[in-house]
Amino acid sequence: MAKSKKNTDIPALTETWNLPAAATFGSLVRAKGILLEIRARLPVSVRKSLDYTVATLTLSMPEDAEAEFRRTAESVSKALDDIEDLPVIPREIQDILSISTTERHRWLEDGRLESAGTRTVKLRGRARQITFHVFDPKLVKDLLDHGTVDEWREHDKETAAENRRRAAYKAKLTRSLKKGKDKADTAGNTKNEAPPLAGWDDFDLDGLLR
């Protein structure tokens, strides 16, 4: 009977780290962003050995890579020391605060959403770079704790309603002024026309115009 082959697909060396809720804000998008950030700090050859599952980072390597495994595990642990201070990127803050891209842009432009600076990255496989705003995680926590986003949305609704009222009043005023001008023009034209002469027809019949 032939011996079964040893399953080499299952890594023999593993280590796990729990991602604190203070770092992820309960957001899967943020958790995956942390994974990508830590992978970027590792050598290219071992980046895919680190993965994320259910609030946990897991490093897995074959049994014969013990030295490399230890070095990588040390690098991951070091990267996690200050992970709660990692700036929040746009797609993460939108998921954490449940806001839209439009809201993020609007609140950035009017100063309500404070930027912690910008970050420039090169798109994978492309020469083009993109620059975007990042946000302080302490600010994000404060916005969550105080329900500030709901207040901003209510303010925006009131502002939009007020703008609609002003626009409607302006349109009504414009129509009223135009109507008044049309009446004035009509009255002026009528006033300038020569009034009909009384008895003109009789005057004509007497032959005095011949």
C-alpha atoms as a PDB file:
ATOM      1  CA  MET A   1       0.000   0.000   0.000  1.00  0.00           C
ATOM      2  CA  ALA A   2       1.360   3.426  -0.978  1.00  0.00           C
ATOM      3  CA  LYS A   3       2.041   5.826   1.829  1.00  0.00           C
ATOM      4  CA  SER A   4      -0.075   8.958   1.877  1.00  0.00           C
ATOM      5  CA  LYS A   5       1.785  12.131   1.070  1.00  0.00           C
ATOM      6  CA  LYS A   6       2.362  14.580   3.887  1.00  0.00           C
ATOM      7  CA  ASN A   7       0.098  17.611   3.597  1.00  0.00           C
ATOM      8  CA  THR A   8       2.531  20.500   3.236  1.00  0.00           C
ATOM      9  CA  ASP A   9      -0.237  23.053   2.603  1.00  0.00           C
ATOM     10  CA  ILE A  10      -0.881  23.497   6.314  1.00  0.00           C
ATOM     11  CA  PRO A  11       1.685  25.851   7.884  1.00  0.00           C
ATOM     12  CA  ALA A  12       3.305  24.470  11.019  1.00  0.00           C
ATOM     13  CA  LEU A  13       4.255  27.858  12.481  1.00  0.00           C
ATOM     14  CA  THR A  14       1.509  30.316  13.466  1.00  0.00           C
ATOM     15  CA  GLU A  15       1.104  33.307  15.724  1.00  0.00           C
ATOM     16  CA  THR A  16      -1.919  35.515  16.279  1.00  0.00           C
ATOM     17  CA  TRP A  17      -2.561  39.061  17.501  1.00  0.00           C
ATOM     18  CA  ASN A  18      -5.922  40.485  18.514  1.00  0.00           C
ATOM     19  CA  LEU A  19      -6.702  43.860  17.004  1.00  0.00           C
ATOM     20  CA  PRO A  20      -8.087  46.166  19.725  1.00  0.00           C
ATOM     21  CA  ALA A  21     -11.466  47.772  19.146  1.00  0.00           C
ATOM     22  CA  ALA A  22      -9.822  51.125  19.876  1.00  0.00           C
ATOM     23  CA  ALA A  23      -7.808  50.626  16.681  1.00  0.00           C
ATOM     24  CA  THR A  24     -10.512  49.212  14.387  1.00  0.00           C
ATOM     25  CA  PHE A  25     -13.568  51.121  15.730  1.00  0.00           C
ATOM     26  CA  GLY A  26     -15.461  47.924  14.944  1.00  0.00           C
ATOM     27  CA  SER A  27     -14.924  48.508  11.219  1.00  0.00           C
ATOM     28  CA  LEU A  28     -13.941  45.662   8.903  1.00  0.00           C
ATOM     29  CA  VAL A  29     -12.664  48.216   6.388  1.00  0.00           C
ATOM     30  CA  ARG A  30     -10.409  49.732   9.059  1.00  0.00           C
ATOM     31  CA  ALA A  31      -9.192  46.273  10.151  1.00  0.00           C
ATOM     32  CA  LYS A  32      -8.231  45.356   6.595  1.00  0.00           C
ATOM     33  CA  GLY A  33      -6.555  48.743   6.239  1.00  0.00           C
ATOM     34  CA  ILE A  34      -4.427  47.930   9.287  1.00  0.00           C
ATOM     35  CA  LEU A  35      -3.551  44.575   7.745  1.00  0.00           C
ATOM     36  CA  LEU A  36      -2.393  46.272   4.530  1.00  0.00           C
ATOM     37  CA  GLU A  37      -0.420  48.857   6.499  1.00  0.00           C
ATOM     38  CA  ILE A  38       1.464  46.199   8.462  1.00  0.00           C
ATOM     39  CA  ARG A  39       2.027  44.080   5.355  1.00  0.00           C
ATOM     40  CA  ALA A  40       3.601  47.118   3.695  1.00  0.00           C
ATOM     41  CA  ARG A  41       6.193  47.223   6.483  1.00  0.00           C
ATOM     42  CA  LEU A  42       7.221  43.598   5.887  1.00  0.00           C
ATOM     43  CA  PRO A  43       9.492  42.156   3.185  1.00  0.00           C
ATOM     44  CA  VAL A  44       7.584  41.435  -0.025  1.00  0.00           C
ATOM     45  CA  SER A  45       8.339  37.709   0.215  1.00  0.00           C
ATOM     46  CA  VAL A  46       6.420  37.265   3.500  1.00  0.00           C
ATOM     47  CA  ARG A  47       3.578  39.780   3.197  1.00  0.00           C
ATOM     48  CA  LYS A  48       0.960  37.211   2.173  1.00  0.00           C
ATOM     49  CA  SER A  49       1.865  35.092   5.218  1.00  0.00           C
ATOM     50  CA  LEU A  50       0.014  37.617   7.380  1.00  0.00           C
ATOM     51  CA  ASP A  51      -3.780  37.550   7.150  1.00  0.00           C
ATOM     52  CA  TYR A  52      -6.855  38.842   8.959  1.00  0.00           C
ATOM     53  CA  THR A  53      -9.786  36.859  10.336  1.00  0.00           C
ATOM     54  CA  VAL A  54     -12.388  37.975  12.880  1.00  0.00           C
ATOM     55  CA  ALA A  55     -10.510  40.787  14.663  1.00  0.00           C
ATOM     56  CA  THR A  56      -7.308  38.751  14.613  1.00  0.00           C
ATOM     57  CA  LEU A  57      -4.092  38.969  12.622  1.00  0.00           C
ATOM     58  CA  THR A  58      -2.551  35.588  11.915  1.00  0.00           C
ATOM     59  CA  LEU A  59       0.975  34.905  10.733  1.00  0.00           C
ATOM     60  CA  SER A  60       1.452  31.473   9.163  1.00  0.00           C
ATOM     61  CA  MET A  61       4.638  29.950   7.727  1.00  0.00           C
ATOM     62  CA  PRO A  62       6.039  26.503   6.945  1.00  0.00           C
ATOM     63  CA  GLU A  63       7.960  24.636   9.619  1.00  0.00           C
ATOM     64  CA  ASP A  64      11.296  25.047   7.834  1.00  0.00           C
ATOM     65  CA  ALA A  65      11.066  28.867   7.879  1.00  0.00           C
ATOM     66  CA  GLU A  66      11.429  29.279  11.626  1.00  0.00           C
ATOM     67  CA  ALA A  67      14.108  31.993  11.538  1.00  0.00           C
ATOM     68  CA  GLU A  68      12.133  34.069   9.015  1.00  0.00           C
ATOM     69  CA  PHE A  69       8.950  33.418  10.998  1.00  0.00           C
ATOM     70  CA  ARG A  70      10.493  34.790  14.185  1.00  0.00           C
ATOM     71  CA  ARG A  71      11.799  37.912  12.442  1.00  0.00           C
ATOM     72  CA  THR A  72       8.436  38.564  10.831  1.00  0.00           C
ATOM     73  CA  ALA A  73       6.529  37.994  14.078  1.00  0.00           C
ATOM     74  CA  GLU A  74       8.780  40.489  15.815  1.00  0.00           C
ATOM     75  CA  SER A  75       8.136  43.058  13.069  1.00  0.00           C
ATOM     76  CA  VAL A  76       4.361  42.570  13.328  1.00  0.00           C
ATOM     77  CA  SER A  77       4.431  42.957  17.122  1.00  0.00           C
ATOM     78  CA  LYS A  78       6.469  46.129  16.804  1.00  0.00           C
ATOM     79  CA  ALA A  79       4.090  47.559  14.184  1.00  0.00           C
ATOM     80  CA  LEU A  80       1.118  46.896  16.487  1.00  0.00           C
ATOM     81  CA  ASP A  81       2.621  48.838  19.396  1.00  0.00           C
ATOM     82  CA  ASP A  82       1.221  52.175  18.161  1.00  0.00           C
ATOM     83  CA  ILE A  83      -1.488  50.898  15.815  1.00  0.00           C
ATOM     84  CA  GLU A  84      -4.200  52.897  17.609  1.00  0.00           C
ATOM     85  CA  ASP A  85      -2.473  56.071  16.397  1.00  0.00           C
ATOM     86  CA  LEU A  86      -2.485  55.019  12.743  1.00  0.00           C
ATOM     87  CA  PRO A  87      -4.173  57.797  10.701  1.00  0.00           C
ATOM     88  CA  VAL A  88      -7.616  56.968   9.336  1.00  0.00           C
ATOM     89  CA  ILE A  89      -7.898  57.069   5.534  1.00  0.00           C
ATOM     90  CA  PRO A  90     -11.020  58.207   3.596  1.00  0.00           C
ATOM     91  CA  ARG A  91     -12.667  54.846   2.943  1.00  0.00           C
ATOM     92  CA  GLU A  92     -12.146  53.914   6.592  1.00  0.00           C
ATOM     93  CA  ILE A  93     -13.674  57.067   8.078  1.00  0.00           C
ATOM     94  CA  GLN A  94     -16.664  56.705   5.741  1.00  0.00           C
ATOM     95  CA  ASP A  95     -17.252  53.170   7.011  1.00  0.00           C
ATOM     96  CA  ILE A  96     -16.630  54.023  10.678  1.00  0.00           C
ATOM     97  CA  LEU A  97     -18.942  57.062  10.697  1.00  0.00           C
ATOM     98  CA  SER A  98     -21.378  55.655   8.099  1.00  0.00           C
ATOM     99  CA  ILE A  99     -21.044  58.753   5.942  1.00  0.00           C
ATOM    100  CA  SER A 100     -21.015  59.210   2.176  1.00  0.00           C
ATOM    101  CA  THR A 101     -18.218  60.495  -0.021  1.00  0.00           C
ATOM    102  CA  THR A 102     -20.270  63.644  -0.657  1.00  0.00           C
ATOM    103  CA  GLU A 103     -20.640  64.317   3.064  1.00  0.00           C
ATOM    104  CA  ARG A 104     -16.926  63.766   3.661  1.00  0.00           C
ATOM    105  CA  HIS A 105     -16.012  66.252   0.915  1.00  0.00           C
ATOM    106  CA  ARG A 106     -18.578  68.833   2.083  1.00  0.00           C
ATOM    107  CA  TRP A 107     -17.498  68.729   5.722  1.00  0.00           C
ATOM    108  CA  LEU A 108     -13.834  68.862   4.753  1.00  0.00           C
ATOM    109  CA  GLU A 109     -14.427  71.934   2.589  1.00  0.00           C
ATOM    110  CA  ASP A 110     -16.394  73.857   5.232  1.00  0.00           C
ATOM    111  CA  GLY A 111     -13.927  72.944   7.993  1.00  0.00           C
ATOM    112  CA  ARG A 112     -16.172  70.796  10.162  1.00  0.00           C
ATOM    113  CA  LEU A 113     -14.178  67.638   9.415  1.00  0.00           C
ATOM    114  CA  GLU A 114     -10.590  68.439  10.311  1.00  0.00           C
ATOM    115  CA  SER A 115      -7.809  66.911   8.220  1.00  0.00           C
ATOM    116  CA  ALA A 116      -4.688  65.555   9.913  1.00  0.00           C
ATOM    117  CA  GLY A 117      -2.672  66.080   6.731  1.00  0.00           C
ATOM    118  CA  THR A 118      -2.362  64.376   3.376  1.00  0.00           C
ATOM    119  CA  ARG A 119      -0.868  61.150   2.125  1.00  0.00           C
ATOM    120  CA  THR A 120       0.386  60.346  -1.357  1.00  0.00           C
ATOM    121  CA  VAL A 121       0.487  56.805  -2.692  1.00  0.00           C
ATOM    122  CA  LYS A 122       1.278  55.249  -6.032  1.00  0.00           C
ATOM    123  CA  LEU A 123      -1.463  53.139  -7.547  1.00  0.00           C
ATOM    124  CA  ARG A 124      -0.493  49.521  -8.017  1.00  0.00           C
ATOM    125  CA  GLY A 125       0.680  48.830 -11.561  1.00  0.00           C
ATOM    126  CA  ARG A 126       0.385  52.494 -12.562  1.00  0.00           C
ATOM    127  CA  ALA A 127       2.707  55.454 -12.762  1.00  0.00           C
ATOM    128  CA  ARG A 128       0.048  57.841 -11.438  1.00  0.00           C
ATOM    129  CA  GLN A 129       0.003  58.892  -7.793  1.00  0.00           C
ATOM    130  CA  ILE A 130      -2.973  60.020  -5.752  1.00  0.00           C
ATOM    131  CA  THR A 131      -3.046  62.342  -2.739  1.00  0.00           C
ATOM    132  CA  PHE A 132      -5.788  62.225  -0.129  1.00  0.00           C
ATOM    133  CA  HIS A 133      -6.586  63.563   3.337  1.00  0.00           C
ATOM    134  CA  VAL A 134      -6.095  61.416   6.443  1.00  0.00           C
ATOM    135  CA  PHE A 135      -7.725  61.852   9.854  1.00  0.00           C
ATOM    136  CA  ASP A 136      -6.635  61.646  13.467  1.00  0.00           C
ATOM    137  CA  PRO A 137      -8.149  58.543  15.133  1.00  0.00           C
ATOM    138  CA  LYS A 138      -8.727  60.618  18.289  1.00  0.00           C
ATOM    139  CA  LEU A 139     -10.931  62.957  16.251  1.00  0.00           C
ATOM    140  CA  VAL A 140     -12.844  59.983  14.814  1.00  0.00           C
ATOM    141  CA  LYS A 141     -13.447  58.620  18.325  1.00  0.00           C
ATOM    142  CA  ASP A 142     -14.690  62.015  19.488  1.00  0.00           C
ATOM    143  CA  LEU A 143     -17.109  62.260  16.554  1.00  0.00           C
ATOM    144  CA  LEU A 144     -18.454  58.796  17.369  1.00  0.00           C
ATOM    145  CA  ASP A 145     -18.789  59.414  21.101  1.00  0.00           C
ATOM    146  CA  HIS A 146     -20.687  62.690  20.722  1.00  0.00           C
ATOM    147  CA  GLY A 147     -22.929  61.781  17.782  1.00  0.00           C
ATOM    148  CA  THR A 148     -21.571  64.797  15.928  1.00  0.00           C
ATOM    149  CA  VAL A 149     -22.386  63.428  12.481  1.00  0.00           C
ATOM    150  CA  ASP A 150     -26.124  63.420  13.302  1.00  0.00           C
ATOM    151  CA  GLU A 151     -25.863  67.071  14.375  1.00  0.00           C
ATOM    152  CA  TRP A 152     -24.074  67.977  11.135  1.00  0.00           C
ATOM    153  CA  ARG A 153     -26.717  66.234   9.048  1.00  0.00           C
ATOM    154  CA  GLU A 154     -29.520  68.075  10.886  1.00  0.00           C
ATOM    155  CA  HIS A 155     -27.714  71.354  10.318  1.00  0.00           C
ATOM    156  CA  ASP A 156     -27.342  70.546   6.620  1.00  0.00           C
ATOM    157  CA  LYS A 157     -31.064  69.756   6.329  1.00  0.00           C
ATOM    158  CA  GLU A 158     -31.996  73.069   7.937  1.00  0.00           C
ATOM    159  CA  THR A 159     -29.536  74.943   5.725  1.00  0.00           C
ATOM    160  CA  ALA A 160     -30.887  73.249   2.588  1.00  0.00           C
ATOM    161  CA  ALA A 161     -34.479  74.089   3.585  1.00  0.00           C
ATOM    162  CA  GLU A 162     -33.522  77.733   4.223  1.00  0.00           C
ATOM    163  CA  ASN A 163     -31.741  77.917   0.859  1.00  0.00           C
ATOM    164  CA  ARG A 164     -34.843  76.552  -0.876  1.00  0.00           C
ATOM    165  CA  ARG A 165     -37.032  79.176   0.838  1.00  0.00           C
ATOM    166  CA  ARG A 166     -34.666  81.958  -0.197  1.00  0.00           C
ATOM    167  CA  ALA A 167     -34.527  80.680  -3.775  1.00  0.00           C
ATOM    168  CA  ALA A 168     -38.335  80.489  -3.943  1.00  0.00           C
ATOM    169  CA  TYR A 169     -38.678  84.029  -2.555  1.00  0.00           C
ATOM    170  CA  LYS A 170     -36.094  85.360  -5.001  1.00  0.00           C
ATOM    171  CA  ALA A 171     -37.874  83.700  -7.932  1.00  0.00           C
ATOM    172  CA  LYS A 172     -41.223  85.110  -6.778  1.00  0.00           C
ATOM    173  CA  LEU A 173     -39.726  88.579  -6.413  1.00  0.00           C
ATOM    174  CA  THR A 174     -38.175  88.378  -9.888  1.00  0.00           C
ATOM    175  CA  ARG A 175     -41.522  87.369 -11.416  1.00  0.00           C
ATOM    176  CA  SER A 176     -43.296  90.194  -9.574  1.00  0.00           C
ATOM    177  CA  LEU A 177     -40.796  92.799 -10.759  1.00  0.00           C
ATOM    178  CA  LYS A 178     -41.036  91.549 -14.334  1.00  0.00           C
ATOM    179  CA  LYS A 179     -44.827  91.629 -14.218  1.00  0.00           C
ATOM    180  CA  GLY A 180     -44.761  95.194 -12.873  1.00  0.00           C
ATOM    181  CA  LYS A 181     -42.353  96.260 -15.605  1.00  0.00           C
ATOM    182  CA  ASP A 182     -44.554  94.699 -18.295  1.00  0.00           C
ATOM    183  CA  LYS A 183     -47.578  96.610 -16.969  1.00  0.00           C
ATOM    184  CA  ALA A 184     -45.643  99.860 -16.913  1.00  0.00           C
ATOM    185  CA  ASP A 185     -44.471  99.322 -20.495  1.00  0.00           C
ATOM    186  CA  THR A 186     -48.038  98.594 -21.630  1.00  0.00           C
ATOM    187  CA  ALA A 187     -49.378 101.697 -19.892  1.00  0.00           C
ATOM    188  CA  GLY A 188     -46.645 103.845 -21.432  1.00  0.00           C
ATOM    189  CA  ASN A 189     -47.357 102.609 -24.934  1.00  0.00           C
ATOM    190  CA  THR A 190     -51.083 103.295 -24.549  1.00  0.00           C
ATOM    191  CA  LYS A 191     -50.398 106.805 -23.235  1.00  0.00           C
ATOM    192  CA  ASN A 192     -48.236 107.698 -26.228  1.00  0.00           C
ATOM    193  CA  GLU A 193     -50.872 106.725 -28.817  1.00  0.00           C
ATOM    194  CA  ALA A 194     -52.910 109.669 -30.289  1.00  0.00           C
ATOM    195  CA  PRO A 195     -56.531 109.594 -29.058  1.00  0.00           C
ATOM    196  CA  PRO A 196     -59.211 109.309 -31.732  1.00  0.00           C
ATOM    197  CA  LEU A 197     -60.677 112.703 -32.861  1.00  0.00           C
ATOM    198  CA  ALA A 198     -64.377 113.245 -32.118  1.00  0.00           C
ATOM    199  CA  GLY A 199     -66.512 113.914 -35.203  1.00  0.00           C
ATOM    200  CA  TRP A 200     -63.720 112.928 -37.609  1.00  0.00           C
ATOM    201  CA  ASP A 201     -66.055 110.800 -39.705  1.00  0.00           C
ATOM    202  CA  ASP A 202     -68.563 113.665 -40.143  1.00  0.00           C
ATOM    203  CA  PHE A 203     -65.741 116.010 -41.060  1.00  0.00           C
ATOM    204  CA  ASP A 204     -64.683 113.621 -43.773  1.00  0.00           C
ATOM    205  CA  LEU A 205     -68.225 113.284 -45.132  1.00  0.00           C
ATOM    206  CA  ASP A 206     -68.505 117.044 -45.684  1.00  0.00           C
ATOM    207  CA  GLY A 207     -65.770 116.759 -48.241  1.00  0.00           C
ATOM    208  CA  LEU A 208     -63.450 119.075 -46.429  1.00  0.00           C
ATOM    209  CA  LEU A 209     -60.550 116.664 -46.872  1.00  0.00           C
ATOM    210  CA  ARG A 210     -60.839 116.660 -50.645  1.00  0.00           C
END
